[in-house]
Amino acid sequence: MSIIAYIHIRALISVDIVSIFKSLADENRIRILNLLRNGELCVCDIEAVLGVKQSNASRHLNKLKMAEIIVSEKKSQWVYYRLNNTIFSKFPFLLIIIEDEIGKISVCKDDLMLLKKFKASGKSCDSVIK
């Protein structure tokens, strides 16, 4: 392998890691990952639990998506987000952070309880689609 190819490959890997660390450097994005640990969610579910406006939620979701930590899928008029399993095989430390560390944060524990209550209330996008 030429030195130029090696440097290019290293630069791509570094950019990926830098993007990942930057995307993790915000409490709302950590809270979003916490919510997505248990499965896919509609953006309206995330907005409701975090108590943020759609534009704010979309900005955070886009940052996580650009780092390839999450993926999205449009269903009807709603966009659903889920963790991107491919990134966890490439960067196993992410799985440790998401599965072992995020759940220890008190606001993240509270968010999971709020999500459960929100889903039970029937206000979720899921209840409209079914």
Protein backbone atom coordinates (compact mmCIF):
# COMPACT_ATOMS: atom_id res chain seq x y z
CA MET A 1 0.00 0.00 0.00
CA SER A 2 1.37 3.40 -0.90
CA ILE A 3 1.87 6.04 1.76
CA ILE A 4 -0.76 8.23 0.09
CA ALA A 5 -3.37 5.45 0.19
CA TYR A 6 -2.51 4.75 3.84
CA ILE A 7 -2.83 8.42 4.79
CA HIS A 8 -6.15 8.64 2.92
CA ILE A 9 -7.52 5.58 4.72
CA ARG A 10 -6.32 6.89 8.09
CA ALA A 11 -7.93 10.27 7.35
CA LEU A 12 -11.26 8.60 6.59
CA ILE A 13 -11.12 6.60 9.80
CA SER A 14 -10.17 9.68 11.81
CA VAL A 15 -13.01 11.69 10.32
CA ASP A 16 -15.44 8.92 11.28
CA ILE A 17 -14.16 8.81 14.85
CA VAL A 18 -14.12 12.60 15.14
CA SER A 19 -17.70 12.79 13.86
CA ILE A 20 -18.77 10.13 16.32
CA PHE A 21 -17.17 11.84 19.29
CA LYS A 22 -18.60 15.20 18.24
CA SER A 23 -22.05 13.71 17.94
CA LEU A 24 -21.77 12.24 21.43
CA ALA A 25 -20.76 15.59 22.91
CA ASP A 26 -24.28 16.82 23.60
CA GLU A 27 -26.69 15.81 26.35
CA ASN A 28 -29.75 15.80 24.08
CA ARG A 29 -28.03 13.47 21.61
CA ILE A 30 -27.04 11.15 24.46
CA ARG A 31 -30.66 11.20 25.60
CA ILE A 32 -31.82 10.34 22.07
CA LEU A 33 -29.45 7.37 21.92
CA ASN A 34 -30.78 6.26 25.27
CA LEU A 35 -34.35 6.29 23.92
CA LEU A 36 -33.34 4.41 20.78
CA ARG A 37 -31.60 1.63 22.76
CA ASN A 38 -34.95 -0.14 23.06
CA GLY A 39 -35.99 0.15 19.41
CA GLU A 40 -37.05 2.56 16.73
CA LEU A 41 -38.99 5.70 17.54
CA CYS A 42 -40.85 8.34 15.60
CA VAL A 43 -39.43 11.84 15.76
CA CYS A 44 -42.61 13.00 17.52
CA ASP A 45 -41.95 10.49 20.34
CA ILE A 46 -38.44 11.88 20.76
CA GLU A 47 -39.70 15.48 20.76
CA ALA A 48 -42.32 14.72 23.38
CA VAL A 49 -39.96 12.94 25.77
CA LEU A 50 -37.12 15.45 25.45
CA GLY A 51 -39.49 18.43 25.56
CA VAL A 52 -37.86 20.06 22.54
CA LYS A 53 -39.25 21.62 19.37
CA GLN A 54 -39.21 19.74 16.09
CA SER A 55 -36.41 21.85 14.64
CA ASN A 56 -34.20 21.20 17.67
CA ALA A 57 -34.89 17.45 17.63
CA SER A 58 -34.23 17.31 13.89
CA ARG A 59 -30.90 19.09 14.29
CA HIS A 60 -29.75 16.57 16.91
CA LEU A 61 -31.05 13.61 14.92
CA ASN A 62 -29.30 14.87 11.80
CA LYS A 63 -25.99 15.14 13.67
CA LEU A 64 -26.33 11.51 14.86
CA LYS A 65 -27.35 10.44 11.37
CA MET A 66 -24.36 12.19 9.76
CA ALA A 67 -22.09 10.29 12.17
CA GLU A 68 -23.92 7.13 11.04
CA ILE A 69 -24.87 6.21 14.61
CA ILE A 70 -28.56 6.19 13.68
CA VAL A 71 -30.56 5.58 10.52
CA SER A 72 -34.03 6.74 9.55
CA GLU A 73 -36.98 5.45 7.59
CA LYS A 74 -40.06 7.35 6.45
CA LYS A 75 -43.38 5.64 7.19
CA SER A 76 -46.48 7.49 6.12
CA GLN A 77 -45.89 11.13 7.14
CA TRP A 78 -43.57 10.28 10.04
CA VAL A 79 -39.86 9.58 10.16
CA TYR A 80 -38.66 6.77 12.41
CA TYR A 81 -35.14 6.50 13.77
CA ARG A 82 -33.17 3.54 15.08
CA LEU A 83 -29.62 2.69 16.02
CA ASN A 84 -27.40 1.74 13.10
CA ASN A 85 -26.12 -1.75 13.95
CA THR A 86 -23.43 -1.56 11.25
CA ILE A 87 -21.55 1.18 13.09
CA PHE A 88 -21.34 -0.94 16.25
CA SER A 89 -19.37 -3.66 14.48
CA LYS A 90 -17.00 -1.02 13.13
CA PHE A 91 -16.67 0.80 16.47
CA PRO A 92 -17.50 -1.64 19.31
CA PHE A 93 -16.82 0.99 21.98
CA LEU A 94 -20.11 2.64 20.96
CA LEU A 95 -22.08 -0.40 22.04
CA ILE A 96 -20.38 -0.33 25.44
CA ILE A 97 -21.26 3.35 25.84
CA ILE A 98 -24.87 2.89 24.77
CA GLU A 99 -25.59 -0.37 26.59
CA ASP A 100 -23.54 0.08 29.76
CA GLU A 101 -23.02 3.78 30.45
CA ILE A 102 -25.94 5.83 29.14
CA GLY A 103 -28.47 3.99 31.30
CA LYS A 104 -26.62 5.13 34.43
CA ILE A 105 -27.41 8.81 33.79
CA SER A 106 -30.38 9.94 35.90
CA VAL A 107 -32.01 12.08 33.19
CA CYS A 108 -31.82 9.08 30.85
CA LYS A 109 -33.62 6.90 33.40
CA ASP A 110 -36.30 9.58 33.68
CA ASP A 111 -36.60 9.77 29.88
CA LEU A 112 -37.32 6.04 29.64
CA MET A 113 -40.11 6.38 32.19
CA LEU A 114 -41.54 9.38 30.28
CA LEU A 115 -41.39 7.42 27.03
CA LYS A 116 -43.28 4.53 28.60
CA LYS A 117 -45.98 6.92 29.87
CA PHE A 118 -46.15 8.72 26.52
CA LYS A 119 -46.61 5.46 24.61
CA ALA A 120 -49.30 4.33 27.07
CA SER A 121 -51.17 7.64 26.66
CA GLY A 122 -52.02 6.86 23.03
CA LYS A 123 -50.49 10.13 21.81
CA SER A 124 -47.65 8.34 20.04
CA CYS A 125 -47.45 8.16 16.23
CA ASP A 126 -47.58 4.36 16.61
CA SER A 127 -51.12 4.53 17.94
CA VAL A 128 -52.22 6.60 14.93
CA ILE A 129 -50.67 4.22 12.38
CA LYS A 130 -52.16 1.04 13.90
